[in-house]
Amino acid sequence: MPSVTPAIRLLRQHGVAFSEHEYAYEEHGGTRVSARELGVPEHEVIKTLVMEDDRREPLLVLMHGDREVSTKALARQLGRKAIAPCTPETAHRHTGYLVGGTSPFGTRKRLPVCLERTVLDLDRVFVNGGRRGMLVSLSPADLAHVLQPTLVQVAIGGEPG
C-alpha cells in the first residue's frame, strides 16, 4: 500500500494540519466500522459519495456517516432534474479511488463538491485519506477551504442538528 496517497499529497500542498488514522478495513463496513475502530462518533466520520446528475456529470457529496442523502433535495438545491449514486466502476473512473477508499481530496479530475452544511458545526471531522483503512482528521474549516464546496442541506435520518 502506498504510504502517500494523492489525498495526502494535496493536503500537504495546501499546508493543512491533519493526522492519519489507520484501522482494520471491513468490506461494506462503511462509516460504522471506521468509527467503531477509531473510537469516534459516526457523526464525525464524513463519507464521500460519488454521484451523477441527469446529464451524467459527476459530483461528490460529503455527508455525516450516520445520515443519508436526500437525492431529491440535492437535485432541487442544485437546480438539476435528478441526482443518483454512481456504480462502483463509474465512481472509480471519476475519482481514481476504489469504493471504500474514496477521498474528496486528490481525485483524478477536479469534481464539484457538495458539503452537508451541518458538517461545519463540528470541531473536527474524519474523511477518507485515499485508501481503504485510512482516515484523516482535520478541521471542517480546512476541509471547506481546500475543497471550496457548495453547502447543501440534504441530510436524512439521525437526530436533528
Protein backbone atom coordinates (compact mmCIF):
# COMPACT_ATOMS: atom_id res chain seq x y z
CA MET A 1 0.00 0.00 0.00
CA PRO A 2 1.31 3.44 -0.86
CA SER A 3 2.04 5.48 2.23
CA VAL A 4 1.36 8.76 0.46
CA THR A 5 -1.92 8.90 -1.44
CA PRO A 6 -2.97 11.69 -3.82
CA ALA A 7 -5.22 12.92 -0.98
CA ILE A 8 -2.30 13.20 1.47
CA ARG A 9 -0.20 14.91 -1.19
CA LEU A 10 -2.93 17.52 -1.80
CA LEU A 11 -3.43 18.22 1.92
CA ARG A 12 0.32 18.73 2.34
CA GLN A 13 0.42 21.06 -0.69
CA HIS A 14 -2.27 23.18 0.96
CA GLY A 15 -0.41 23.20 4.29
CA VAL A 16 -3.38 21.68 6.10
CA ALA A 17 -2.87 20.33 9.63
CA PHE A 18 -4.21 16.77 9.68
CA SER A 19 -3.49 13.42 11.26
CA GLU A 20 -3.71 9.95 9.75
CA HIS A 21 -5.70 7.16 11.39
CA GLU A 22 -5.31 3.54 10.26
CA TYR A 23 -7.97 0.94 11.03
CA ALA A 24 -8.89 -2.61 10.04
CA TYR A 25 -10.98 -2.19 6.89
CA GLU A 26 -14.07 -4.38 6.52
CA GLU A 27 -15.76 -4.83 3.14
CA HIS A 28 -19.14 -3.00 3.19
CA GLY A 29 -18.46 -1.86 6.78
CA GLY A 30 -18.67 1.82 5.93
CA THR A 31 -18.50 4.59 8.47
CA ARG A 32 -19.98 2.37 11.19
CA VAL A 33 -16.84 0.21 11.20
CA SER A 34 -14.32 3.04 10.85
CA ALA A 35 -15.99 4.99 13.68
CA ARG A 36 -16.03 1.90 15.91
CA GLU A 37 -12.40 1.05 15.11
CA LEU A 38 -11.20 4.61 15.80
CA GLY A 39 -13.46 5.13 18.82
CA VAL A 40 -15.10 8.27 17.44
CA PRO A 41 -18.76 9.20 16.88
CA GLU A 42 -20.03 8.07 13.47
CA HIS A 43 -21.47 11.58 13.02
CA GLU A 44 -17.88 12.92 12.79
CA VAL A 45 -16.88 10.40 10.11
CA ILE A 46 -17.72 12.06 6.82
CA LYS A 47 -18.44 9.77 3.89
CA THR A 48 -17.52 10.73 0.34
CA LEU A 49 -20.29 9.75 -2.07
CA VAL A 50 -19.81 9.85 -5.84
CA MET A 51 -22.98 10.78 -7.70
CA GLU A 52 -24.06 11.87 -11.17
CA ASP A 53 -26.74 14.29 -12.30
CA ASP A 54 -29.22 13.83 -15.13
CA ARG A 55 -26.53 14.94 -17.62
CA ARG A 56 -24.18 12.23 -16.26
CA GLU A 57 -21.93 14.94 -14.77
CA PRO A 58 -20.16 13.63 -11.65
CA LEU A 59 -20.13 15.32 -8.26
CA LEU A 60 -19.03 14.45 -4.74
CA VAL A 61 -21.34 14.67 -1.74
CA LEU A 62 -19.84 14.81 1.75
CA MET A 63 -22.25 13.59 4.42
CA HIS A 64 -22.19 12.61 8.09
CA GLY A 65 -21.61 8.87 8.42
CA ASP A 66 -24.83 8.41 10.39
CA ARG A 67 -27.02 10.23 7.84
CA GLU A 68 -28.26 9.57 4.32
CA VAL A 69 -28.54 11.95 1.38
CA SER A 70 -31.89 13.05 0.03
CA THR A 71 -31.06 12.96 -3.68
CA LYS A 72 -34.37 14.73 -4.43
CA ALA A 73 -33.48 17.63 -2.13
CA LEU A 74 -29.94 17.70 -3.55
CA ALA A 75 -31.21 17.87 -7.15
CA ARG A 76 -33.64 20.64 -6.18
CA GLN A 77 -30.94 22.67 -4.37
CA LEU A 78 -28.55 22.34 -7.32
CA GLY A 79 -31.20 23.03 -9.96
CA ARG A 80 -30.87 19.59 -11.57
CA LYS A 81 -33.61 17.21 -12.71
CA ALA A 82 -32.16 14.22 -10.87
CA ILE A 83 -29.08 13.02 -8.99
CA ALA A 84 -28.21 9.41 -8.26
CA PRO A 85 -25.26 7.43 -6.85
CA CYS A 86 -22.71 6.10 -9.36
CA THR A 87 -21.84 2.45 -9.76
CA PRO A 88 -18.55 1.49 -8.09
CA GLU A 89 -16.89 1.25 -11.55
CA THR A 90 -18.08 4.72 -12.56
CA ALA A 91 -17.05 6.16 -9.20
CA HIS A 92 -13.56 4.70 -9.66
CA ARG A 93 -13.32 6.11 -13.18
CA HIS A 94 -14.28 9.62 -11.95
CA THR A 95 -12.11 9.69 -8.82
CA GLY A 96 -9.25 7.22 -9.31
CA TYR A 97 -10.15 5.71 -5.91
CA LEU A 98 -11.70 2.36 -5.04
CA VAL A 99 -15.06 2.41 -3.27
CA GLY A 100 -14.29 2.24 0.45
CA GLY A 101 -11.17 4.33 -0.14
CA THR A 102 -12.68 7.37 -1.89
CA SER A 103 -11.31 10.65 -0.64
CA PRO A 104 -12.68 14.05 -1.64
CA PHE A 105 -9.05 15.19 -1.91
CA GLY A 106 -6.78 14.39 -4.85
CA THR A 107 -9.39 12.97 -7.21
CA ARG A 108 -8.32 12.05 -10.75
CA LYS A 109 -10.07 15.17 -12.05
CA ARG A 110 -11.41 18.08 -10.04
CA LEU A 111 -15.05 17.39 -9.25
CA PRO A 112 -17.72 19.70 -7.82
CA VAL A 113 -18.19 19.01 -4.10
CA CYS A 114 -21.39 19.40 -2.09
CA LEU A 115 -20.97 19.53 1.68
CA GLU A 116 -23.79 18.98 4.16
CA ARG A 117 -23.72 22.36 5.92
CA THR A 118 -24.01 20.88 9.44
CA VAL A 119 -20.55 19.30 8.98
CA LEU A 120 -19.15 22.79 9.56
CA ASP A 121 -20.63 22.76 13.09
CA LEU A 122 -18.24 20.00 14.21
CA ASP A 123 -14.87 20.60 15.90
CA ARG A 124 -13.11 18.02 13.74
CA VAL A 125 -14.01 15.54 11.04
CA PHE A 126 -12.63 12.26 9.76
CA VAL A 127 -12.58 11.74 5.99
CA ASN A 128 -11.07 9.04 3.84
CA GLY A 129 -7.37 9.55 3.22
CA GLY A 130 -7.34 7.90 -0.20
CA ARG A 131 -7.26 4.21 0.59
CA ARG A 132 -9.25 1.60 2.41
CA GLY A 133 -8.47 1.51 6.11
CA MET A 134 -7.16 5.07 6.46
CA LEU A 135 -8.95 8.23 7.51
CA VAL A 136 -7.51 11.68 8.07
CA SER A 137 -8.82 14.05 10.73
CA LEU A 138 -8.87 17.78 10.19
CA SER A 139 -10.94 20.84 10.96
CA PRO A 140 -14.11 21.35 8.92
CA ALA A 141 -12.83 24.86 8.10
CA ASP A 142 -9.71 23.35 6.44
CA LEU A 143 -11.88 20.81 4.62
CA ALA A 144 -14.02 23.63 3.22
CA HIS A 145 -11.00 25.81 2.42
CA VAL A 146 -9.35 23.10 0.30
CA LEU A 147 -12.48 21.77 -1.42
CA GLN A 148 -14.46 25.02 -1.89
CA PRO A 149 -17.74 23.09 -1.67
CA THR A 150 -21.30 24.12 -2.33
CA LEU A 151 -23.10 23.98 1.02
CA VAL A 152 -26.31 21.96 0.96
CA GLN A 153 -28.90 20.79 3.46
CA VAL A 154 -29.84 17.28 2.33
CA ALA A 155 -29.33 15.02 5.37
CA ILE A 156 -31.92 12.37 6.22
CA GLY A 157 -32.06 10.38 9.46
CA GLY A 158 -30.49 10.65 12.88
CA GLU A 159 -31.20 13.41 15.35
CA PRO A 160 -31.94 16.91 14.03
CA GLY A 161 -28.82 19.07 14.16
